Amino acid sequence: MKSIYKKLGIFISLIIILLVTQIPLKVFAATNITDDGRAHQGYSQFRAKVNSGSSVTLRRRLDYGVGNQKANVYVDGSYVGSWYNSGKDTTYQWRDTDFTIPSSNTSGKSYITVRITFVSSDYDWNEFYYWIYSGSTLTDTVDIGNASSENSHSYIISNQTWTGTRTFQYAPRRVVDNGRAHQGYSQFNMRINSNNSGVSLIRRLDYGIGNQKAYVYVDGSYAGTWSNPGSDTVNQWREYSFSIPSNLTQGKSLINIKIVFVSSDYDWNEFYYWVSSNGVITDSLDVGNSTSEDSHNYFINNQTWSGTRDFTYPN
């Protein structure tokens, strides 16, 4: 029924990794997501797989257009706490919110039974998808409205008020970050895995400055041209990556990177850099943070700007 939207379960599991490594989420087009679900003024209950002794994060996709949803959460009959999502949004109605189940409720267990009991809201408690994380590991998912998933998780619902399909968007993600810009060059060291097959360099930038282009050098050798055509003055944050070939990185645990400005609508800006070796983040540089800059021997020439920006990412 949901076809490609179930891939979002994988998508959400990646968020945990991205948060740990401080890589911001990258979604570059406004996306309508269609999902089916249910709502109640009674309770819903399901069985979920967990890792014994781990604290569990229960993540719910909800229609945040129904405001101030509050419920009590029980695990295997024991009260755990109150799950409250204050406020509402009738423009970007999808939200994913988390509830933490302590490890004491999972000790010695590979499965738990979760009951969500409605307390209050502007109307009811709705649910479209649940993800269950044991620590940072996704151990189970419950696809509400999908008969096969509901049956396999012994899902039940009482005093149901609605069932059907909704098509909404998630709210753009807002990030405040400090950074710098130049019309000369910036230079810094980054740690990598010496046993690599090439390295990805990822940059957070203000995409409101359009058509940014620079030459990239690694340990003095030309690695290629990094070009980010286009611009966006509404949702201005972007992250773009540049692939550094393996002949410049293999056998090294530290590389020196130099970014030389070529052209743009004004300058080259940089707020955060990450390097990935074999798919694993090995280092990060927080531009504008003096401690991070010093530890990476960061240097900038012909600086045109330094400061803080408060932007959103596109959905």
Foldseek 3Di string as FASTA:
>chain_A
DQPPLVCVLVVVLVVLVCVVLVNDDADADFDKHKFWWFWFQFKKKWKFFEDQLFKKKKKFKDFQQFAWWKWWKDKQRHTAGMDTDHDGDPAFGIDIDIDIGHNVSRHPHRMIMMMTGTDDTSPTGMTAKIWMDRPSRTRDIAGHPDVVSCVVTVMDDPRIDDIDMDIGTHDFAKDKFWWFWFQFKKKWKDFDDQAFQWKKKKFKDFQQFAWWKWWKAKQRHTFGIDTDHDGDPAFGIHMDIDIGGVVRRHRDGMIMMMTGTDDTSPTGMTAKMWMDGPNHTRGIAGHPDVVSCVVTVMDDDRIDDTDMDIGTHHD
